[in-house]
């Protein structure tokens, strides 16, 4: 199986996501900290997504900067999974690292994760790392 034309599909629960690669570009995500005030560059799945600049003494919806992605979960919601996604093409042999900041409030029986999906040029998933 050739890695030529491989890409990353970055999926995270919610929060701030960072992906850096050694291609000479220190940051390859579009609208990294949601500072555009919208979800431009990101796809979402599941309901309840919004951008927030809320902050008080107990914390902030933004990890750094002025805004953050927020997912409002209500008791009667039916979504099993929710996330935000950004696809990033990378060249074969490129070394990348990823991290995510996730803040939860009153979350019961839930989980959050960072998932990297490695895809071929046709977006067929070759491998998944969590």
N, C-alpha and C. Protein backbone atom coordinates (compact mmCIF):
# COMPACT_ATOMS: atom_id res chain seq x y z
N UNK A 1 0.85 -1.16 0.00
CA UNK A 1 0.00 0.00 0.00
C UNK A 1 0.90 1.23 0.00
N UNK A 2 0.74 2.08 -0.98
CA UNK A 2 1.54 3.29 -1.09
C UNK A 2 1.01 4.39 -0.18
N UNK A 3 1.90 5.17 0.38
CA UNK A 3 1.50 6.31 1.20
C UNK A 3 1.45 7.59 0.38
N UNK A 4 1.77 7.51 -0.89
CA UNK A 4 1.78 8.69 -1.74
C UNK A 4 0.38 9.28 -1.81
N UNK A 5 0.28 10.57 -1.64
CA UNK A 5 -1.01 11.23 -1.70
C UNK A 5 -1.82 11.07 -0.43
N UNK A 6 -1.19 10.58 0.63
CA UNK A 6 -1.91 10.36 1.88
C UNK A 6 -2.28 11.68 2.51
N UNK A 7 -3.39 11.70 3.20
CA UNK A 7 -3.82 12.89 3.92
C UNK A 7 -4.24 12.54 5.32
N UNK A 8 -4.45 13.55 6.12
CA UNK A 8 -4.96 13.37 7.48
C UNK A 8 -6.36 13.91 7.51
N UNK A 9 -7.21 13.24 8.23
CA UNK A 9 -8.53 13.77 8.52
C UNK A 9 -8.57 13.87 10.03
N UNK A 10 -8.60 15.07 10.54
CA UNK A 10 -8.50 15.31 11.97
C UNK A 10 -9.90 15.46 12.53
N UNK A 11 -10.22 14.65 13.53
CA UNK A 11 -11.54 14.68 14.15
C UNK A 11 -11.33 14.89 15.64
N UNK A 12 -12.03 15.84 16.22
CA UNK A 12 -11.93 15.98 17.67
C UNK A 12 -13.29 16.27 18.26
N UNK A 13 -13.43 15.93 19.53
CA UNK A 13 -14.68 16.16 20.24
C UNK A 13 -15.05 17.62 20.19
N UNK A 14 -14.41 18.44 20.97
CA UNK A 14 -14.56 19.88 20.89
C UNK A 14 -13.44 20.52 21.66
N UNK A 15 -13.13 21.74 21.32
CA UNK A 15 -12.04 22.45 21.97
C UNK A 15 -11.10 23.01 20.94
N UNK A 16 -9.89 23.26 21.37
CA UNK A 16 -8.88 23.80 20.47
C UNK A 16 -8.01 22.67 19.97
N UNK A 17 -7.79 22.61 18.69
CA UNK A 17 -7.00 21.56 18.08
C UNK A 17 -5.78 22.18 17.43
N UNK A 18 -4.63 21.55 17.58
CA UNK A 18 -3.42 22.04 16.93
C UNK A 18 -2.77 20.89 16.17
N UNK A 19 -2.39 21.16 14.94
CA UNK A 19 -1.66 20.18 14.14
C UNK A 19 -0.48 20.90 13.53
N UNK A 20 0.72 20.40 13.76
CA UNK A 20 1.91 20.99 13.18
C UNK A 20 2.64 19.94 12.36
N UNK A 21 3.24 20.38 11.27
CA UNK A 21 3.99 19.48 10.39
C UNK A 21 5.36 20.07 10.09
N UNK A 22 6.28 19.21 9.68
CA UNK A 22 7.65 19.65 9.41
C UNK A 22 7.82 20.15 7.99
N UNK A 23 6.76 20.47 7.30
CA UNK A 23 6.84 20.89 5.90
C UNK A 23 7.25 22.34 5.75
N UNK A 24 7.61 23.00 6.85
CA UNK A 24 7.96 24.41 6.78
C UNK A 24 6.78 25.29 7.16
N UNK A 25 5.61 24.69 7.38
CA UNK A 25 4.43 25.42 7.81
C UNK A 25 4.20 25.06 9.28
N UNK A 26 4.38 25.99 10.20
CA UNK A 26 4.25 25.65 11.62
C UNK A 26 2.83 25.25 11.99
N UNK A 27 1.83 25.74 11.29
CA UNK A 27 0.44 25.41 11.60
C UNK A 27 -0.30 25.17 10.29
N UNK A 28 -0.94 24.02 10.16
CA UNK A 28 -1.57 23.68 8.89
C UNK A 28 -3.10 23.70 8.95
N UNK A 29 -3.67 23.94 10.12
CA UNK A 29 -5.13 24.01 10.22
C UNK A 29 -5.63 25.39 9.84
N UNK A 30 -6.80 25.43 9.24
CA UNK A 30 -7.47 26.68 8.93
C UNK A 30 -8.33 27.08 10.12
N UNK A 31 -8.29 28.35 10.49
CA UNK A 31 -9.11 28.86 11.59
C UNK A 31 -8.84 28.07 12.87
N UNK A 32 -7.56 27.94 13.20
CA UNK A 32 -7.07 27.12 14.30
C UNK A 32 -7.85 27.28 15.60
N UNK A 33 -7.90 28.47 16.14
CA UNK A 33 -8.56 28.68 17.43
C UNK A 33 -9.96 29.25 17.29
N UNK A 34 -10.55 29.11 16.11
CA UNK A 34 -11.89 29.61 15.83
C UNK A 34 -11.95 31.13 15.99
N UNK A 35 -10.79 31.78 15.78
CA UNK A 35 -10.69 33.22 15.95
C UNK A 35 -11.43 33.98 14.86
N UNK A 36 -11.80 33.32 13.78
CA UNK A 36 -12.59 33.99 12.74
C UNK A 36 -14.01 34.27 13.25
N UNK A 37 -14.35 33.69 14.41
CA UNK A 37 -15.68 33.89 14.96
C UNK A 37 -16.73 33.01 14.32
N UNK A 38 -16.27 32.02 13.55
CA UNK A 38 -17.18 31.09 12.90
C UNK A 38 -16.47 29.74 12.73
N UNK A 39 -17.11 28.81 12.06
CA UNK A 39 -16.55 27.47 11.87
C UNK A 39 -15.87 27.33 10.51
N UNK A 40 -15.48 28.43 9.88
CA UNK A 40 -14.86 28.35 8.55
C UNK A 40 -13.65 27.43 8.60
N UNK A 41 -13.53 26.58 7.61
CA UNK A 41 -12.45 25.60 7.54
C UNK A 41 -12.77 24.28 8.21
N UNK A 42 -13.85 24.22 8.96
CA UNK A 42 -14.22 23.03 9.71
C UNK A 42 -15.55 22.46 9.22
N UNK A 43 -15.69 21.17 9.29
CA UNK A 43 -16.97 20.49 9.09
C UNK A 43 -17.40 20.00 10.47
N UNK A 44 -18.70 19.93 10.69
CA UNK A 44 -19.20 19.41 11.96
C UNK A 44 -20.11 18.22 11.70
N UNK A 45 -20.22 17.35 12.68
CA UNK A 45 -21.26 16.32 12.65
C UNK A 45 -21.89 16.28 14.02
N UNK A 46 -23.18 16.03 14.05
CA UNK A 46 -23.95 16.10 15.29
C UNK A 46 -24.47 17.51 15.49
N UNK A 47 -25.43 17.65 16.36
CA UNK A 47 -26.07 18.95 16.57
C UNK A 47 -25.41 19.74 17.68
N UNK A 48 -25.79 21.01 17.81
CA UNK A 48 -25.41 21.83 18.94
C UNK A 48 -24.12 22.61 18.83
N UNK A 49 -23.50 22.70 17.65
CA UNK A 49 -22.23 23.40 17.52
C UNK A 49 -22.41 24.91 17.39
N UNK A 50 -21.54 25.66 18.06
CA UNK A 50 -21.53 27.11 17.94
C UNK A 50 -20.14 27.62 18.35
N UNK A 51 -19.87 28.88 18.04
CA UNK A 51 -18.64 29.55 18.45
C UNK A 51 -18.98 30.46 19.62
N UNK A 52 -18.13 30.48 20.65
CA UNK A 52 -18.40 31.27 21.84
C UNK A 52 -17.16 32.04 22.28
N UNK A 53 -17.41 33.22 22.80
CA UNK A 53 -16.33 34.01 23.40
C UNK A 53 -16.59 34.21 24.90
N UNK A 54 -17.46 33.35 25.47
CA UNK A 54 -17.82 33.45 26.88
C UNK A 54 -16.60 33.24 27.77
N UNK A 55 -16.52 34.05 28.81
CA UNK A 55 -15.44 33.92 29.79
C UNK A 55 -15.90 34.50 31.12
N UNK A 56 -15.58 33.83 32.22
CA UNK A 56 -15.83 34.37 33.56
C UNK A 56 -14.75 33.84 34.50
N UNK A 57 -14.90 34.06 35.78
CA UNK A 57 -13.89 33.64 36.75
C UNK A 57 -13.70 32.12 36.78
N UNK A 58 -14.72 31.36 36.39
CA UNK A 58 -14.65 29.90 36.43
C UNK A 58 -13.96 29.32 35.20
N UNK A 59 -13.77 30.11 34.17
CA UNK A 59 -13.12 29.59 32.98
C UNK A 59 -13.59 30.28 31.72
N UNK A 60 -13.14 29.76 30.59
CA UNK A 60 -13.43 30.37 29.31
C UNK A 60 -13.73 29.29 28.28
N UNK A 61 -14.53 29.64 27.28
CA UNK A 61 -14.78 28.72 26.17
C UNK A 61 -13.61 28.69 25.20
N UNK A 62 -12.71 29.65 25.32
CA UNK A 62 -11.51 29.69 24.49
C UNK A 62 -10.31 29.21 25.31
N UNK A 63 -9.45 28.42 24.70
CA UNK A 63 -8.22 28.00 25.37
C UNK A 63 -7.24 29.16 25.42
N UNK A 64 -7.10 29.80 24.31
CA UNK A 64 -6.30 31.01 24.19
C UNK A 64 -7.01 31.85 23.13
N UNK A 65 -6.74 33.09 23.06
CA UNK A 65 -7.45 33.93 22.11
C UNK A 65 -8.83 34.28 22.63
N UNK A 66 -9.71 34.64 21.72
CA UNK A 66 -11.00 35.18 22.13
C UNK A 66 -12.18 34.24 21.92
N UNK A 67 -12.02 33.16 21.17
CA UNK A 67 -13.17 32.32 20.84
C UNK A 67 -12.83 30.84 20.92
N UNK A 68 -13.87 30.03 21.00
CA UNK A 68 -13.71 28.59 21.03
C UNK A 68 -14.94 27.91 20.46
N UNK A 69 -14.79 26.68 20.01
CA UNK A 69 -15.93 25.89 19.54
C UNK A 69 -16.61 25.26 20.75
N UNK A 70 -17.93 25.33 20.78
CA UNK A 70 -18.71 24.81 21.89
C UNK A 70 -19.77 23.87 21.33
N UNK A 71 -20.00 22.78 22.04
CA UNK A 71 -21.09 21.88 21.69
C UNK A 71 -22.04 21.79 22.87
N UNK A 72 -23.25 22.26 22.65
CA UNK A 72 -24.27 22.22 23.70
C UNK A 72 -25.00 20.89 23.64
N UNK A 73 -24.92 20.12 24.71
CA UNK A 73 -25.57 18.82 24.78
C UNK A 73 -26.79 18.95 25.70
N UNK A 74 -27.94 18.62 25.17
CA UNK A 74 -29.19 18.70 25.94
C UNK A 74 -29.67 17.30 26.29
N UNK A 75 -30.47 17.19 27.34
CA UNK A 75 -30.95 15.88 27.81
C UNK A 75 -31.63 15.06 26.72
N UNK A 76 -32.43 15.71 25.89
CA UNK A 76 -33.21 14.97 24.90
C UNK A 76 -32.52 14.82 23.55
N UNK A 77 -31.23 15.19 23.44
CA UNK A 77 -30.49 15.03 22.19
C UNK A 77 -30.36 13.55 21.83
N UNK A 78 -30.40 13.27 20.55
CA UNK A 78 -30.33 11.89 20.06
C UNK A 78 -28.97 11.53 19.46
N UNK A 79 -28.09 12.52 19.26
CA UNK A 79 -26.80 12.24 18.63
C UNK A 79 -25.93 11.37 19.54
N UNK A 80 -25.41 10.29 18.97
CA UNK A 80 -24.48 9.45 19.73
C UNK A 80 -23.07 10.05 19.67
N UNK A 81 -22.69 10.60 18.51
CA UNK A 81 -21.37 11.17 18.31
C UNK A 81 -21.49 12.57 17.74
N UNK A 82 -20.60 13.44 18.17
CA UNK A 82 -20.51 14.81 17.65
C UNK A 82 -19.04 15.13 17.46
N UNK A 83 -18.75 15.95 16.50
CA UNK A 83 -17.35 16.32 16.32
C UNK A 83 -17.16 17.43 15.31
N UNK A 84 -15.93 17.89 15.25
CA UNK A 84 -15.52 18.84 14.25
C UNK A 84 -14.36 18.22 13.48
N UNK A 85 -14.33 18.48 12.19
CA UNK A 85 -13.41 17.78 11.29
C UNK A 85 -12.72 18.78 10.37
N UNK A 86 -11.45 18.54 10.11
CA UNK A 86 -10.73 19.29 9.09
C UNK A 86 -9.79 18.32 8.38
N UNK A 87 -9.83 18.32 7.07
CA UNK A 87 -8.95 17.45 6.27
C UNK A 87 -7.73 18.24 5.84
N UNK A 88 -6.55 17.64 6.01
CA UNK A 88 -5.30 18.30 5.70
C UNK A 88 -4.46 17.40 4.80
N UNK A 89 -4.16 17.83 3.58
CA UNK A 89 -3.28 17.01 2.73
C UNK A 89 -1.84 17.13 3.21
N UNK A 90 -1.12 16.02 3.25
CA UNK A 90 0.30 16.03 3.61
C UNK A 90 1.07 15.19 2.61
N UNK A 91 2.32 15.51 2.43
CA UNK A 91 3.19 14.76 1.52
C UNK A 91 3.71 13.52 2.23
N UNK A 92 3.99 12.51 1.46
CA UNK A 92 4.57 11.28 1.99
C UNK A 92 5.86 11.61 2.74
N UNK A 93 6.02 11.04 3.92
CA UNK A 93 7.23 11.23 4.71
C UNK A 93 7.20 12.44 5.62
N UNK A 94 6.10 13.20 5.61
CA UNK A 94 5.99 14.37 6.47
C UNK A 94 5.69 13.93 7.89
N UNK A 95 6.42 14.48 8.85
CA UNK A 95 6.21 14.18 10.26
C UNK A 95 5.30 15.25 10.84
N UNK A 96 4.19 14.83 11.45
CA UNK A 96 3.22 15.77 12.02
C UNK A 96 2.91 15.38 13.45
N UNK A 97 2.47 16.35 14.23
CA UNK A 97 1.99 16.07 15.58
C UNK A 97 0.67 16.80 15.78
N UNK A 98 -0.16 16.27 16.65
CA UNK A 98 -1.47 16.86 16.89
C UNK A 98 -1.77 16.86 18.37
N UNK A 99 -2.51 17.87 18.81
CA UNK A 99 -2.96 17.92 20.20
C UNK A 99 -4.30 18.65 20.23
N UNK A 100 -5.03 18.47 21.32
CA UNK A 100 -6.33 19.10 21.44
C UNK A 100 -6.53 19.54 22.89
N UNK A 101 -7.23 20.63 23.09
CA UNK A 101 -7.63 21.10 24.42
C UNK A 101 -9.14 20.98 24.48
N UNK A 102 -9.63 20.27 25.48
CA UNK A 102 -11.06 20.04 25.63
C UNK A 102 -11.47 20.41 27.05
N UNK A 103 -12.51 21.19 27.16
CA UNK A 103 -13.05 21.59 28.46
C UNK A 103 -14.49 21.10 28.54
N UNK A 104 -14.83 20.43 29.61
CA UNK A 104 -16.20 19.95 29.78
C UNK A 104 -16.82 20.58 31.02
N UNK A 105 -18.11 20.74 30.96
CA UNK A 105 -18.88 21.25 32.09
C UNK A 105 -20.05 20.32 32.34
N UNK A 106 -20.16 19.81 33.53
CA UNK A 106 -21.30 18.98 33.94
C UNK A 106 -21.54 17.82 32.97
N UNK A 107 -20.49 17.27 32.40
CA UNK A 107 -20.63 16.15 31.48
C UNK A 107 -20.69 14.85 32.27
N UNK A 108 -21.73 14.07 32.03
CA UNK A 108 -21.87 12.77 32.68
C UNK A 108 -21.91 11.70 31.59
N UNK A 109 -21.24 10.61 31.84
CA UNK A 109 -21.27 9.48 30.92
C UNK A 109 -20.93 9.88 29.49
N UNK A 110 -19.86 10.63 29.32
CA UNK A 110 -19.46 11.03 27.98
C UNK A 110 -17.95 10.88 27.86
N UNK A 111 -17.47 10.98 26.63
CA UNK A 111 -16.05 10.92 26.39
C UNK A 111 -15.69 11.92 25.30
N UNK A 112 -14.46 12.35 25.30
CA UNK A 112 -13.95 13.25 24.28
C UNK A 112 -12.62 12.70 23.82
N UNK A 113 -12.31 12.88 22.54
CA UNK A 113 -11.07 12.32 22.02
C UNK A 113 -10.59 13.08 20.81
N UNK A 114 -9.33 12.88 20.50
CA UNK A 114 -8.71 13.36 19.27
C UNK A 114 -8.47 12.13 18.41
N UNK A 115 -8.97 12.15 17.21
CA UNK A 115 -8.80 11.01 16.30
C UNK A 115 -8.15 11.49 15.02
N UNK A 116 -7.12 10.79 14.58
CA UNK A 116 -6.49 11.06 13.30
C UNK A 116 -6.84 9.92 12.36
N UNK A 117 -7.40 10.28 11.22
CA UNK A 117 -7.71 9.28 10.19
C UNK A 117 -6.75 9.52 9.04
N UNK A 118 -6.03 8.50 8.65
CA UNK A 118 -5.12 8.57 7.52
C UNK A 118 -5.87 8.04 6.30
N UNK A 119 -5.93 8.87 5.27
CA UNK A 119 -6.72 8.51 4.08
C UNK A 119 -5.85 8.54 2.84
N UNK A 120 -6.31 7.85 1.81
CA UNK A 120 -5.63 7.94 0.52
C UNK A 120 -6.22 9.10 -0.27
N UNK A 121 -5.78 9.28 -1.50
CA UNK A 121 -6.23 10.42 -2.30
C UNK A 121 -7.73 10.37 -2.59
N UNK A 122 -8.34 9.18 -2.48
CA UNK A 122 -9.78 9.04 -2.70
C UNK A 122 -10.57 9.12 -1.40
N UNK A 123 -9.90 9.51 -0.32
CA UNK A 123 -10.48 9.66 1.02
C UNK A 123 -10.90 8.33 1.65
N UNK A 124 -10.35 7.23 1.15
CA UNK A 124 -10.56 5.93 1.79
C UNK A 124 -9.68 5.88 3.04
N UNK A 125 -10.27 5.54 4.18
CA UNK A 125 -9.53 5.50 5.43
C UNK A 125 -8.57 4.32 5.43
N UNK A 126 -7.29 4.62 5.63
CA UNK A 126 -6.25 3.59 5.68
C UNK A 126 -5.91 3.18 7.11
N UNK A 127 -5.98 4.14 8.03
CA UNK A 127 -5.67 3.86 9.43
C UNK A 127 -6.33 4.93 10.31
N UNK A 128 -6.62 4.56 11.54
CA UNK A 128 -7.19 5.48 12.52
C UNK A 128 -6.36 5.40 13.79
N UNK A 129 -6.01 6.56 14.31
CA UNK A 129 -5.27 6.64 15.59
C UNK A 129 -6.05 7.54 16.53
N UNK A 130 -6.21 7.08 17.78
CA UNK A 130 -6.90 7.89 18.78
C UNK A 130 -5.98 8.13 19.95
